[in-house]
Amino acid sequence: MANFVHAAKASDIPPGSMKTIMVSGKRIALANVDGVYFAVDDTCTHAQCSLGGEGFLDGNVVTCGCHGAQFDVETGGVLALPATASLSSYPVKQEGDDLLVAL
């Protein structure tokens, strides 16, 4: 069974945006895609740039602001080069305004 920990307030992440958060010492990018929340590693697998801080979210696709690599925030899968390695994705659940992530 997954151990969910408090990560953020849903009200702090409007639809169509991302935020970098720390969960149990790990940098996570938390995305709001039309009211559904997804969590992936915050660091681009290509050039170690922050996706939540420097990336651009369009639907479920985050584009790294450094070199344009793209990832699916729902699965962490690579959608466009130069990245070749996927991100890890993490379960998210919402309880009221609280967002909980399981690592």
N, C-alpha and C. Protein backbone atom coordinates (compact mmCIF):
# COMPACT_ATOMS: atom_id res chain seq x y z
N MET A 1 0.84 -1.18 0.00
CA MET A 1 0.00 0.00 0.00
C MET A 1 0.89 1.25 0.00
N ALA A 2 0.54 2.21 -0.83
CA ALA A 2 1.33 3.43 -0.97
C ALA A 2 1.21 4.30 0.27
N ASN A 3 2.33 4.94 0.62
CA ASN A 3 2.36 5.85 1.75
C ASN A 3 2.26 7.28 1.21
N PHE A 4 1.09 7.88 1.29
CA PHE A 4 0.87 9.24 0.78
C PHE A 4 1.27 10.26 1.83
N VAL A 5 1.98 11.32 1.37
CA VAL A 5 2.37 12.40 2.25
C VAL A 5 1.88 13.72 1.67
N HIS A 6 1.60 14.67 2.56
CA HIS A 6 1.13 15.98 2.11
C HIS A 6 2.20 16.64 1.25
N ALA A 7 1.78 17.18 0.09
CA ALA A 7 2.73 17.78 -0.84
C ALA A 7 2.45 19.26 -1.08
N ALA A 8 1.18 19.63 -1.21
CA ALA A 8 0.84 21.01 -1.56
C ALA A 8 -0.65 21.23 -1.37
N LYS A 9 -1.05 22.47 -1.54
CA LYS A 9 -2.46 22.84 -1.55
C LYS A 9 -2.92 22.91 -3.01
N ALA A 10 -4.02 22.32 -3.33
CA ALA A 10 -4.55 22.35 -4.70
C ALA A 10 -4.78 23.78 -5.15
N SER A 11 -5.20 24.63 -4.25
CA SER A 11 -5.49 26.02 -4.60
C SER A 11 -4.24 26.79 -5.00
N ASP A 12 -3.05 26.25 -4.70
CA ASP A 12 -1.79 26.91 -5.07
C ASP A 12 -1.32 26.55 -6.47
N ILE A 13 -2.02 25.60 -7.12
CA ILE A 13 -1.61 25.15 -8.46
C ILE A 13 -2.81 25.24 -9.39
N PRO A 14 -3.00 26.39 -10.04
CA PRO A 14 -4.15 26.56 -10.91
C PRO A 14 -4.09 25.64 -12.14
N PRO A 15 -5.24 25.38 -12.76
CA PRO A 15 -5.25 24.55 -13.97
C PRO A 15 -4.27 25.09 -15.02
N GLY A 16 -3.55 24.16 -15.65
CA GLY A 16 -2.59 24.53 -16.69
C GLY A 16 -1.24 24.98 -16.16
N SER A 17 -0.98 24.74 -14.87
CA SER A 17 0.29 25.17 -14.30
C SER A 17 0.99 24.02 -13.59
N MET A 18 2.27 24.27 -13.29
CA MET A 18 3.09 23.31 -12.55
C MET A 18 3.81 24.03 -11.42
N LYS A 19 4.20 23.25 -10.43
CA LYS A 19 4.94 23.81 -9.30
C LYS A 19 5.95 22.77 -8.83
N THR A 20 7.16 23.23 -8.52
CA THR A 20 8.17 22.35 -7.94
C THR A 20 7.96 22.31 -6.44
N ILE A 21 7.93 21.09 -5.91
CA ILE A 21 7.74 20.90 -4.47
C ILE A 21 8.77 19.90 -3.97
N MET A 22 8.97 19.88 -2.68
CA MET A 22 9.83 18.88 -2.05
C MET A 22 8.93 17.91 -1.30
N VAL A 23 9.08 16.63 -1.58
CA VAL A 23 8.32 15.59 -0.89
C VAL A 23 9.33 14.58 -0.35
N SER A 24 9.42 14.49 0.95
CA SER A 24 10.36 13.57 1.59
C SER A 24 11.77 13.73 1.04
N GLY A 25 12.21 14.99 0.84
CA GLY A 25 13.54 15.28 0.37
C GLY A 25 13.76 15.11 -1.12
N LYS A 26 12.69 14.85 -1.88
CA LYS A 26 12.79 14.64 -3.33
C LYS A 26 12.07 15.77 -4.06
N ARG A 27 12.73 16.31 -5.13
CA ARG A 27 12.13 17.38 -5.94
C ARG A 27 11.13 16.76 -6.92
N ILE A 28 9.88 17.23 -6.81
CA ILE A 28 8.79 16.72 -7.62
C ILE A 28 8.14 17.90 -8.35
N ALA A 29 7.75 17.68 -9.60
CA ALA A 29 6.95 18.67 -10.34
C ALA A 29 5.50 18.21 -10.25
N LEU A 30 4.66 19.05 -9.71
CA LEU A 30 3.24 18.76 -9.54
C LEU A 30 2.47 19.57 -10.56
N ALA A 31 1.70 18.90 -11.42
CA ALA A 31 1.00 19.55 -12.53
C ALA A 31 -0.51 19.44 -12.34
N ASN A 32 -1.21 20.50 -12.73
CA ASN A 32 -2.67 20.52 -12.73
C ASN A 32 -3.13 20.54 -14.19
N VAL A 33 -3.67 19.41 -14.64
CA VAL A 33 -4.18 19.28 -16.00
C VAL A 33 -5.70 19.24 -15.91
N ASP A 34 -6.33 20.39 -16.14
CA ASP A 34 -7.79 20.49 -16.10
C ASP A 34 -8.40 19.94 -14.81
N GLY A 35 -7.76 20.27 -13.68
CA GLY A 35 -8.28 19.85 -12.38
C GLY A 35 -7.85 18.48 -11.92
N VAL A 36 -7.05 17.79 -12.71
CA VAL A 36 -6.49 16.50 -12.32
C VAL A 36 -5.00 16.71 -12.09
N TYR A 37 -4.50 16.20 -10.97
CA TYR A 37 -3.12 16.45 -10.56
C TYR A 37 -2.22 15.25 -10.86
N PHE A 38 -1.01 15.57 -11.33
CA PHE A 38 -0.02 14.55 -11.65
C PHE A 38 1.32 14.96 -11.06
N ALA A 39 2.12 13.97 -10.66
CA ALA A 39 3.44 14.23 -10.09
C ALA A 39 4.49 13.42 -10.84
N VAL A 40 5.57 14.10 -11.23
CA VAL A 40 6.72 13.46 -11.89
C VAL A 40 7.99 14.05 -11.29
N ASP A 41 9.12 13.40 -11.59
CA ASP A 41 10.40 13.97 -11.19
C ASP A 41 10.50 15.39 -11.73
N ASP A 42 11.06 16.29 -10.96
CA ASP A 42 11.17 17.69 -11.38
C ASP A 42 12.35 17.92 -12.32
N THR A 43 13.32 17.04 -12.31
CA THR A 43 14.55 17.27 -13.07
C THR A 43 14.51 16.58 -14.43
N CYS A 44 14.69 17.36 -15.49
CA CYS A 44 14.74 16.83 -16.85
C CYS A 44 15.87 15.81 -16.95
N THR A 45 15.60 14.69 -17.59
CA THR A 45 16.61 13.63 -17.70
C THR A 45 17.69 13.96 -18.72
N HIS A 46 17.52 15.03 -19.49
CA HIS A 46 18.53 15.41 -20.48
C HIS A 46 19.58 16.33 -19.90
N ALA A 47 19.16 17.47 -19.33
CA ALA A 47 20.15 18.47 -18.92
C ALA A 47 19.98 18.95 -17.48
N GLN A 48 19.24 18.19 -16.67
CA GLN A 48 19.11 18.49 -15.24
C GLN A 48 18.46 19.83 -14.94
N CYS A 49 17.57 20.30 -15.81
CA CYS A 49 16.83 21.54 -15.58
C CYS A 49 15.54 21.24 -14.82
N SER A 50 15.04 22.21 -14.07
CA SER A 50 13.79 22.05 -13.34
C SER A 50 12.60 22.17 -14.28
N LEU A 51 11.77 21.14 -14.32
CA LEU A 51 10.58 21.18 -15.17
C LEU A 51 9.49 22.05 -14.55
N GLY A 52 9.33 21.97 -13.24
CA GLY A 52 8.32 22.78 -12.58
C GLY A 52 8.65 24.25 -12.56
N GLY A 53 9.93 24.57 -12.54
CA GLY A 53 10.35 25.97 -12.48
C GLY A 53 10.65 26.59 -13.82
N GLU A 54 11.20 25.80 -14.75
CA GLU A 54 11.61 26.33 -16.04
C GLU A 54 10.82 25.76 -17.22
N GLY A 55 9.97 24.78 -16.94
CA GLY A 55 9.22 24.12 -18.01
C GLY A 55 7.91 24.83 -18.34
N PHE A 56 7.30 24.37 -19.43
CA PHE A 56 6.04 24.93 -19.90
C PHE A 56 5.03 23.79 -20.05
N LEU A 57 3.86 23.94 -19.45
CA LEU A 57 2.84 22.90 -19.49
C LEU A 57 1.79 23.26 -20.52
N ASP A 58 1.49 22.32 -21.41
CA ASP A 58 0.44 22.48 -22.41
C ASP A 58 -0.34 21.18 -22.42
N GLY A 59 -1.54 21.20 -21.84
CA GLY A 59 -2.29 19.96 -21.67
C GLY A 59 -1.52 19.06 -20.73
N ASN A 60 -1.25 17.82 -21.16
CA ASN A 60 -0.50 16.90 -20.32
C ASN A 60 0.98 16.83 -20.70
N VAL A 61 1.43 17.76 -21.54
CA VAL A 61 2.82 17.76 -22.02
C VAL A 61 3.60 18.89 -21.36
N VAL A 62 4.73 18.53 -20.72
CA VAL A 62 5.63 19.54 -20.19
C VAL A 62 6.84 19.60 -21.11
N THR A 63 7.20 20.82 -21.49
CA THR A 63 8.37 21.07 -22.32
C THR A 63 9.45 21.69 -21.46
N CYS A 64 10.63 21.09 -21.45
CA CYS A 64 11.74 21.62 -20.68
C CYS A 64 12.17 22.96 -21.25
N GLY A 65 12.32 23.94 -20.40
CA GLY A 65 12.71 25.27 -20.82
C GLY A 65 14.16 25.39 -21.25
N CYS A 66 14.97 24.39 -20.99
CA CYS A 66 16.39 24.47 -21.36
C CYS A 66 16.65 24.05 -22.81
N HIS A 67 16.17 22.87 -23.21
CA HIS A 67 16.49 22.37 -24.55
C HIS A 67 15.29 21.79 -25.29
N GLY A 68 14.09 21.93 -24.75
CA GLY A 68 12.88 21.54 -25.47
C GLY A 68 12.47 20.09 -25.37
N ALA A 69 13.11 19.29 -24.52
CA ALA A 69 12.64 17.91 -24.33
C ALA A 69 11.20 17.95 -23.82
N GLN A 70 10.41 16.96 -24.20
CA GLN A 70 9.01 16.92 -23.77
C GLN A 70 8.70 15.60 -23.08
N PHE A 71 7.83 15.70 -22.07
CA PHE A 71 7.41 14.54 -21.29
C PHE A 71 5.91 14.58 -21.07
N ASP A 72 5.31 13.41 -20.93
CA ASP A 72 3.90 13.28 -20.56
C ASP A 72 3.83 13.30 -19.04
N VAL A 73 3.15 14.28 -18.45
CA VAL A 73 3.09 14.37 -16.98
C VAL A 73 2.23 13.28 -16.36
N GLU A 74 1.40 12.62 -17.16
CA GLU A 74 0.58 11.53 -16.63
C GLU A 74 1.40 10.27 -16.40
N THR A 75 2.37 10.02 -17.28
CA THR A 75 3.14 8.77 -17.21
C THR A 75 4.63 8.99 -16.97
N GLY A 76 5.13 10.20 -17.25
CA GLY A 76 6.56 10.47 -17.18
C GLY A 76 7.30 10.10 -18.45
N GLY A 77 6.59 9.57 -19.43
CA GLY A 77 7.20 9.11 -20.67
C GLY A 77 7.75 10.24 -21.52
N VAL A 78 8.86 9.95 -22.23
CA VAL A 78 9.47 10.92 -23.14
C VAL A 78 8.61 11.05 -24.39
N LEU A 79 8.34 12.29 -24.80
CA LEU A 79 7.57 12.56 -26.01
C LEU A 79 8.43 13.18 -27.11
N ALA A 80 9.53 13.85 -26.73
CA ALA A 80 10.39 14.51 -27.72
C ALA A 80 11.82 14.59 -27.21
N LEU A 81 12.75 14.41 -28.12
CA LEU A 81 14.18 14.55 -27.83
C LEU A 81 14.50 16.00 -27.47
N PRO A 82 15.60 16.28 -26.81
CA PRO A 82 16.78 15.45 -26.69
C PRO A 82 16.77 14.45 -25.53
N ALA A 83 15.78 14.47 -24.66
CA ALA A 83 15.73 13.49 -23.58
C ALA A 83 15.43 12.11 -24.17
N THR A 84 16.05 11.09 -23.59
CA THR A 84 15.79 9.72 -24.02
C THR A 84 15.30 8.85 -22.87
N ALA A 85 15.46 9.32 -21.63
CA ALA A 85 15.02 8.56 -20.46
C ALA A 85 13.77 9.20 -19.87
N SER A 86 12.82 8.36 -19.51
CA SER A 86 11.57 8.82 -18.92
C SER A 86 11.78 9.34 -17.50
N LEU A 87 10.81 10.09 -17.04
CA LEU A 87 10.75 10.54 -15.66
C LEU A 87 10.00 9.50 -14.84
N SER A 88 10.25 9.44 -13.56
CA SER A 88 9.39 8.64 -12.69
C SER A 88 8.12 9.43 -12.43
N SER A 89 7.00 8.72 -12.36
CA SER A 89 5.73 9.37 -12.02
C SER A 89 5.24 8.79 -10.69
N TYR A 90 4.43 9.57 -10.00
CA TYR A 90 4.02 9.20 -8.65
C TYR A 90 2.51 9.39 -8.50
N PRO A 91 1.86 8.50 -7.75
CA PRO A 91 0.42 8.65 -7.51
C PRO A 91 0.12 9.92 -6.72
N VAL A 92 -0.98 10.58 -7.09
CA VAL A 92 -1.44 11.78 -6.40
C VAL A 92 -2.90 11.56 -6.03
N LYS A 93 -3.26 11.97 -4.82
CA LYS A 93 -4.68 11.99 -4.46
C LYS A 93 -4.99 13.30 -3.78
N GLN A 94 -6.23 13.72 -3.94
CA GLN A 94 -6.68 14.98 -3.38
C GLN A 94 -7.68 14.71 -2.27
N GLU A 95 -7.46 15.38 -1.15
CA GLU A 95 -8.38 15.32 -0.01
C GLU A 95 -8.72 16.76 0.34
N GLY A 96 -9.86 17.23 -0.12
CA GLY A 96 -10.22 18.63 0.05
C GLY A 96 -9.24 19.49 -0.74
N ASP A 97 -8.57 20.44 -0.08
CA ASP A 97 -7.58 21.28 -0.75
C ASP A 97 -6.17 20.71 -0.64
N ASP A 98 -6.02 19.56 0.04
CA ASP A 98 -4.71 18.96 0.24
C ASP A 98 -4.39 17.98 -0.89
N LEU A 99 -3.16 18.11 -1.44
CA LEU A 99 -2.66 17.16 -2.42
C LEU A 99 -1.64 16.27 -1.75
N LEU A 100 -1.82 14.98 -1.89
CA LEU A 100 -0.93 13.99 -1.28
C LEU A 100 -0.25 13.20 -2.39
N VAL A 101 1.05 12.95 -2.22
CA VAL A 101 1.84 12.22 -3.20
C VAL A 101 2.48 11.02 -2.52
N ALA A 102 2.50 9.90 -3.23
CA ALA A 102 3.18 8.70 -2.74
C ALA A 102 4.45 8.50 -3.53
N LEU A 103 5.58 8.37 -2.82
CA LEU A 103 6.86 8.12 -3.48
C LEU A 103 7.20 6.65 -3.44
